[in-house]
Structure formats: structure tokens, C-alpha cells
Amino acid sequence: MESTERPNGPAAAAFVAAGVGSAALGVFTILAETFERVASFMELYAPVGPLSGKTTFAVVVWLLVWGALHGAWRSKEVSWKMAWTLTLVLVGIGLVLTFPPVFLAFAPEE
């Protein structure tokens, strides 16, 4: 019986893209809190406010990065250590940037 191993690139692409999407949500949160014009642009659904745009745009970034990385790593063997480290760092950045004391520090004084 012949065993064929598949490259881990597509799986690593999914992990790293999730991290990028998390970091993107954090960046969009900071931008919406810092700039009123960005907050109004991100208000895709009025009852929800800018959160509707922040999450929508973060999902778009996640999907685009996932597609790009999948295409680039489709037939490659990628370092799991690098993929996991990068994913955890990016998720950490996203978590920190969506923590209220952090994003409110960027809000303009009223």
C-alpha cells in the first residue's frame, strides 16, 4: 500500500489567514475609533454602527489573504513552527487592538 503525503501549505495558509483577519479586525477597530470619517464609512448597517463594517472588511481581508496564501503555498511544505508563531502573534495583535482600553486610547478627546 502506497502512502502519499500532501503538502501542508494549504492548511498553513488557512491558519495564517485567520491570524491576518484577526489583526485586520483590530486595525479596523483602531481606525474607526480614531477617525470619524472611517467610522461613518464602516457603518454598513445603521442599527449596528461601525461594527458592521469592521467585521465585514475583516472577513474580506481574511478571505483575500487565505486565497492568496493558498495559491502561493498550494504545493509547498511550510514550516508549522513559522505558521503557528505567525498566527498566534497576529491573533494576539487583533485581540489587543480590540480591547477597549487600547482602542479607546486612540479615540479623539471630546
N, C-alpha and C. Protein backbone atom coordinates (compact mmCIF):
# COMPACT_ATOMS: atom_id res chain seq x y z
N MET A 1 0.84 -1.18 0.00
CA MET A 1 0.00 0.00 0.00
C MET A 1 0.89 1.25 0.00
N GLU A 2 0.62 2.14 -0.91
CA GLU A 2 1.44 3.34 -1.07
C GLU A 2 0.84 4.50 -0.29
N SER A 3 1.66 5.17 0.49
CA SER A 3 1.22 6.33 1.27
C SER A 3 1.66 7.60 0.55
N THR A 4 0.72 8.48 0.30
CA THR A 4 1.05 9.75 -0.34
C THR A 4 0.73 10.87 0.63
N GLU A 5 1.75 11.63 0.96
CA GLU A 5 1.56 12.77 1.85
C GLU A 5 1.28 14.01 1.03
N ARG A 6 0.33 14.76 1.50
CA ARG A 6 0.01 16.02 0.85
C ARG A 6 0.83 17.13 1.50
N PRO A 7 1.15 18.17 0.74
CA PRO A 7 1.87 19.29 1.35
C PRO A 7 0.98 20.00 2.37
N ASN A 8 1.62 20.59 3.39
CA ASN A 8 0.85 21.26 4.43
C ASN A 8 0.58 22.74 4.13
N GLY A 9 1.02 23.23 2.99
CA GLY A 9 0.85 24.63 2.63
C GLY A 9 -0.59 25.13 2.70
N PRO A 10 -1.57 24.42 2.13
CA PRO A 10 -2.95 24.90 2.21
C PRO A 10 -3.47 25.02 3.64
N ALA A 11 -3.12 24.08 4.50
CA ALA A 11 -3.55 24.17 5.90
C ALA A 11 -2.86 25.33 6.61
N ALA A 12 -1.57 25.49 6.37
CA ALA A 12 -0.85 26.61 6.97
C ALA A 12 -1.42 27.94 6.48
N ALA A 13 -1.82 27.99 5.23
CA ALA A 13 -2.43 29.21 4.68
C ALA A 13 -3.71 29.55 5.42
N ALA A 14 -4.50 28.56 5.76
CA ALA A 14 -5.75 28.80 6.49
C ALA A 14 -5.46 29.37 7.88
N PHE A 15 -4.47 28.81 8.57
CA PHE A 15 -4.12 29.31 9.91
C PHE A 15 -3.62 30.75 9.86
N VAL A 16 -2.66 31.00 8.99
CA VAL A 16 -2.07 32.34 8.91
C VAL A 16 -3.12 33.36 8.47
N ALA A 17 -3.98 33.00 7.54
CA ALA A 17 -5.03 33.91 7.09
C ALA A 17 -5.98 34.25 8.24
N ALA A 18 -6.27 33.30 9.11
CA ALA A 18 -7.12 33.58 10.27
C ALA A 18 -6.45 34.61 11.17
N GLY A 19 -5.15 34.49 11.33
CA GLY A 19 -4.42 35.48 12.12
C GLY A 19 -4.45 36.85 11.49
N VAL A 20 -4.28 36.90 10.18
CA VAL A 20 -4.33 38.19 9.48
C VAL A 20 -5.73 38.80 9.61
N GLY A 21 -6.77 37.99 9.50
CA GLY A 21 -8.12 38.50 9.66
C GLY A 21 -8.35 39.06 11.05
N SER A 22 -7.81 38.40 12.07
CA SER A 22 -7.93 38.90 13.44
C SER A 22 -7.21 40.23 13.61
N ALA A 23 -6.01 40.31 13.08
CA ALA A 23 -5.26 41.57 13.16
C ALA A 23 -5.97 42.67 12.37
N ALA A 24 -6.55 42.32 11.24
CA ALA A 24 -7.29 43.32 10.45
C ALA A 24 -8.47 43.87 11.24
N LEU A 25 -9.17 43.01 11.97
CA LEU A 25 -10.28 43.49 12.80
C LEU A 25 -9.77 44.49 13.83
N GLY A 26 -8.63 44.21 14.42
CA GLY A 26 -8.05 45.16 15.38
C GLY A 26 -7.68 46.48 14.73
N VAL A 27 -7.08 46.42 13.57
CA VAL A 27 -6.70 47.65 12.86
C VAL A 27 -7.94 48.45 12.46
N PHE A 28 -8.97 47.77 11.96
CA PHE A 28 -10.20 48.48 11.60
C PHE A 28 -10.87 49.10 12.82
N THR A 29 -10.77 48.44 13.96
CA THR A 29 -11.31 48.99 15.20
C THR A 29 -10.59 50.28 15.59
N ILE A 30 -9.27 50.25 15.54
CA ILE A 30 -8.48 51.44 15.86
C ILE A 30 -8.81 52.57 14.89
N LEU A 31 -8.88 52.26 13.60
CA LEU A 31 -9.18 53.29 12.61
C LEU A 31 -10.55 53.92 12.83
N ALA A 32 -11.54 53.08 13.13
CA ALA A 32 -12.90 53.59 13.34
C ALA A 32 -12.98 54.45 14.61
N GLU A 33 -12.20 54.11 15.62
CA GLU A 33 -12.20 54.89 16.85
C GLU A 33 -11.41 56.19 16.69
N THR A 34 -10.44 56.20 15.81
CA THR A 34 -9.57 57.36 15.66
C THR A 34 -10.14 58.39 14.69
N PHE A 35 -10.74 57.92 13.62
CA PHE A 35 -11.21 58.83 12.56
C PHE A 35 -12.72 58.72 12.37
N GLU A 36 -13.40 59.82 12.58
CA GLU A 36 -14.86 59.84 12.45
C GLU A 36 -15.31 59.47 11.03
N ARG A 37 -14.57 59.91 10.02
CA ARG A 37 -14.94 59.59 8.64
C ARG A 37 -14.84 58.09 8.37
N VAL A 38 -13.85 57.43 8.95
CA VAL A 38 -13.71 55.99 8.79
C VAL A 38 -14.88 55.29 9.49
N ALA A 39 -15.22 55.76 10.69
CA ALA A 39 -16.35 55.16 11.43
C ALA A 39 -17.64 55.28 10.63
N SER A 40 -17.88 56.44 10.03
CA SER A 40 -19.12 56.60 9.25
C SER A 40 -19.07 55.76 7.97
N PHE A 41 -17.89 55.61 7.37
CA PHE A 41 -17.75 54.76 6.19
C PHE A 41 -18.02 53.30 6.54
N MET A 42 -17.62 52.90 7.73
CA MET A 42 -17.78 51.50 8.14
C MET A 42 -19.19 51.18 8.65
N GLU A 43 -20.02 52.17 8.73
CA GLU A 43 -21.39 51.94 9.19
C GLU A 43 -22.22 51.42 8.02
N LEU A 44 -22.14 50.12 7.79
CA LEU A 44 -22.86 49.50 6.68
C LEU A 44 -24.32 49.24 7.03
N TYR A 45 -24.61 49.08 8.31
CA TYR A 45 -25.97 48.82 8.79
C TYR A 45 -26.16 49.67 10.04
N ALA A 46 -26.99 50.71 9.93
CA ALA A 46 -27.11 51.73 10.97
C ALA A 46 -27.37 51.19 12.38
N PRO A 47 -28.29 50.23 12.58
CA PRO A 47 -28.52 49.77 13.95
C PRO A 47 -27.28 49.16 14.62
N VAL A 48 -26.36 48.65 13.83
CA VAL A 48 -25.15 48.03 14.38
C VAL A 48 -24.02 49.04 14.49
N GLY A 49 -24.03 50.05 13.65
CA GLY A 49 -22.98 51.05 13.66
C GLY A 49 -21.74 50.57 12.91
N PRO A 50 -20.58 51.15 13.25
CA PRO A 50 -19.34 50.80 12.55
C PRO A 50 -18.92 49.34 12.70
N LEU A 51 -19.43 48.66 13.71
CA LEU A 51 -19.08 47.25 13.89
C LEU A 51 -19.44 46.43 12.66
N SER A 52 -20.51 46.80 11.98
CA SER A 52 -20.92 46.06 10.77
C SER A 52 -19.83 46.13 9.70
N GLY A 53 -19.21 47.27 9.54
CA GLY A 53 -18.14 47.42 8.55
C GLY A 53 -16.84 46.80 9.01
N LYS A 54 -16.51 46.98 10.29
CA LYS A 54 -15.25 46.42 10.82
C LYS A 54 -15.21 44.91 10.57
N THR A 55 -16.29 44.23 10.94
CA THR A 55 -16.30 42.78 10.80
C THR A 55 -16.39 42.35 9.34
N THR A 56 -17.17 43.07 8.55
CA THR A 56 -17.29 42.73 7.12
C THR A 56 -15.95 42.89 6.42
N PHE A 57 -15.27 44.00 6.66
CA PHE A 57 -13.99 44.24 5.99
C PHE A 57 -12.93 43.27 6.49
N ALA A 58 -12.97 42.90 7.78
CA ALA A 58 -12.02 41.91 8.30
C ALA A 58 -12.23 40.55 7.64
N VAL A 59 -13.48 40.18 7.41
CA VAL A 59 -13.76 38.91 6.73
C VAL A 59 -13.26 38.97 5.28
N VAL A 60 -13.44 40.10 4.62
CA VAL A 60 -12.94 40.25 3.24
C VAL A 60 -11.42 40.11 3.21
N VAL A 61 -10.74 40.76 4.15
CA VAL A 61 -9.28 40.64 4.23
C VAL A 61 -8.88 39.19 4.46
N TRP A 62 -9.55 38.53 5.40
CA TRP A 62 -9.27 37.11 5.70
C TRP A 62 -9.41 36.25 4.44
N LEU A 63 -10.51 36.42 3.72
CA LEU A 63 -10.74 35.60 2.52
C LEU A 63 -9.70 35.88 1.44
N LEU A 64 -9.37 37.15 1.23
CA LEU A 64 -8.37 37.50 0.21
C LEU A 64 -6.99 36.93 0.56
N VAL A 65 -6.61 37.06 1.82
CA VAL A 65 -5.30 36.55 2.24
C VAL A 65 -5.29 35.02 2.18
N TRP A 66 -6.38 34.40 2.59
CA TRP A 66 -6.46 32.94 2.52
C TRP A 66 -6.30 32.46 1.08
N GLY A 67 -7.00 33.11 0.16
CA GLY A 67 -6.90 32.73 -1.25
C GLY A 67 -5.50 32.93 -1.80
N ALA A 68 -4.88 34.07 -1.45
CA ALA A 68 -3.54 34.36 -1.94
C ALA A 68 -2.51 33.37 -1.37
N LEU A 69 -2.58 33.14 -0.06
CA LEU A 69 -1.63 32.20 0.54
C LEU A 69 -1.87 30.77 0.07
N HIS A 70 -3.12 30.39 -0.09
CA HIS A 70 -3.41 29.05 -0.60
C HIS A 70 -2.80 28.87 -1.99
N GLY A 71 -2.97 29.88 -2.83
CA GLY A 71 -2.40 29.80 -4.18
C GLY A 71 -0.88 29.72 -4.15
N ALA A 72 -0.27 30.50 -3.24
CA ALA A 72 1.19 30.53 -3.16
C ALA A 72 1.76 29.27 -2.52
N TRP A 73 1.04 28.69 -1.55
CA TRP A 73 1.56 27.55 -0.80
C TRP A 73 0.89 26.23 -1.17
N ARG A 74 0.08 26.22 -2.20
CA ARG A 74 -0.72 25.04 -2.57
C ARG A 74 0.10 23.76 -2.64
N SER A 75 1.26 23.80 -3.22
CA SER A 75 2.05 22.57 -3.39
C SER A 75 3.35 22.62 -2.60
N LYS A 76 3.38 23.48 -1.56
CA LYS A 76 4.62 23.63 -0.79
C LYS A 76 4.49 23.04 0.61
N GLU A 77 5.61 22.67 1.14
CA GLU A 77 5.70 22.25 2.54
C GLU A 77 6.16 23.48 3.32
N VAL A 78 5.34 23.91 4.25
CA VAL A 78 5.59 25.14 5.00
C VAL A 78 5.94 24.77 6.44
N SER A 79 6.82 25.55 7.05
CA SER A 79 7.21 25.31 8.44
C SER A 79 6.00 25.53 9.36
N TRP A 80 5.62 24.46 10.06
CA TRP A 80 4.50 24.59 11.01
C TRP A 80 4.84 25.57 12.12
N LYS A 81 6.09 25.56 12.56
CA LYS A 81 6.50 26.48 13.62
C LYS A 81 6.30 27.93 13.19
N MET A 82 6.70 28.24 11.96
CA MET A 82 6.53 29.59 11.45
C MET A 82 5.05 29.93 11.34
N ALA A 83 4.25 29.02 10.79
CA ALA A 83 2.83 29.28 10.59
C ALA A 83 2.12 29.49 11.93
N TRP A 84 2.39 28.62 12.91
CA TRP A 84 1.75 28.75 14.22
C TRP A 84 2.21 30.01 14.93
N THR A 85 3.49 30.30 14.89
CA THR A 85 4.01 31.50 15.55
C THR A 85 3.39 32.75 14.95
N LEU A 86 3.38 32.82 13.63
CA LEU A 86 2.80 33.98 12.95
C LEU A 86 1.31 34.11 13.26
N THR A 87 0.60 32.99 13.25
CA THR A 87 -0.82 33.01 13.55
C THR A 87 -1.07 33.51 14.97
N LEU A 88 -0.34 32.97 15.94
CA LEU A 88 -0.54 33.38 17.33
C LEU A 88 -0.20 34.85 17.55
N VAL A 89 0.86 35.33 16.92
CA VAL A 89 1.23 36.74 17.05
C VAL A 89 0.13 37.63 16.45
N LEU A 90 -0.36 37.26 15.27
CA LEU A 90 -1.39 38.07 14.63
C LEU A 90 -2.71 38.04 15.40
N VAL A 91 -3.10 36.88 15.92
CA VAL A 91 -4.31 36.80 16.74
C VAL A 91 -4.12 37.64 18.01
N GLY A 92 -2.94 37.59 18.60
CA GLY A 92 -2.65 38.41 19.78
C GLY A 92 -2.76 39.89 19.49
N ILE A 93 -2.23 40.31 18.35
CA ILE A 93 -2.35 41.72 17.95
C ILE A 93 -3.82 42.09 17.79
N GLY A 94 -4.57 41.24 17.11
CA GLY A 94 -6.00 41.51 16.93
C GLY A 94 -6.74 41.60 18.25
N LEU A 95 -6.42 40.71 19.18
CA LEU A 95 -7.06 40.72 20.50
C LEU A 95 -6.73 41.99 21.25
N VAL A 96 -5.47 42.37 21.28
CA VAL A 96 -5.06 43.58 22.00
C VAL A 96 -5.72 44.82 21.40
N LEU A 97 -5.74 44.91 20.07
CA LEU A 97 -6.29 46.11 19.43
C LEU A 97 -7.80 46.22 19.57
N THR A 98 -8.49 45.14 19.89
CA THR A 98 -9.95 45.21 20.10
C THR A 98 -10.31 45.28 21.58
N PHE A 99 -9.31 45.38 22.45
CA PHE A 99 -9.53 45.50 23.88
C PHE A 99 -9.88 46.97 24.17
N PRO A 100 -11.02 47.27 24.80
CA PRO A 100 -11.48 48.66 24.95
C PRO A 100 -10.45 49.65 25.51
N PRO A 101 -9.69 49.33 26.55
CA PRO A 101 -8.72 50.34 26.99
C PRO A 101 -7.70 50.71 25.90
N VAL A 102 -7.41 49.79 25.01
CA VAL A 102 -6.44 50.07 23.94
C VAL A 102 -7.10 50.92 22.86
N PHE A 103 -8.24 50.46 22.30
CA PHE A 103 -8.81 51.24 21.20
C PHE A 103 -9.39 52.57 21.67
N LEU A 104 -9.81 52.68 22.91
CA LEU A 104 -10.32 53.96 23.41
C LEU A 104 -9.18 54.95 23.63
N ALA A 105 -7.96 54.46 23.81
CA ALA A 105 -6.80 55.35 23.94
C ALA A 105 -6.55 56.11 22.63
N PHE A 106 -7.02 55.57 21.52
CA PHE A 106 -6.84 56.22 20.22
C PHE A 106 -8.01 57.16 19.89
N ALA A 107 -9.08 57.09 20.66
CA ALA A 107 -10.26 57.92 20.38
C ALA A 107 -9.93 59.38 20.64
N PRO A 108 -10.43 60.28 19.78
CA PRO A 108 -10.17 61.70 19.99
C PRO A 108 -10.88 62.21 21.25
N GLU A 109 -10.28 63.19 21.87
CA GLU A 109 -10.89 63.80 23.06
C GLU A 109 -12.15 64.54 22.67
N GLU A 110 -13.15 64.43 23.50
CA GLU A 110 -14.41 65.15 23.21
C GLU A 110 -14.61 66.29 24.14
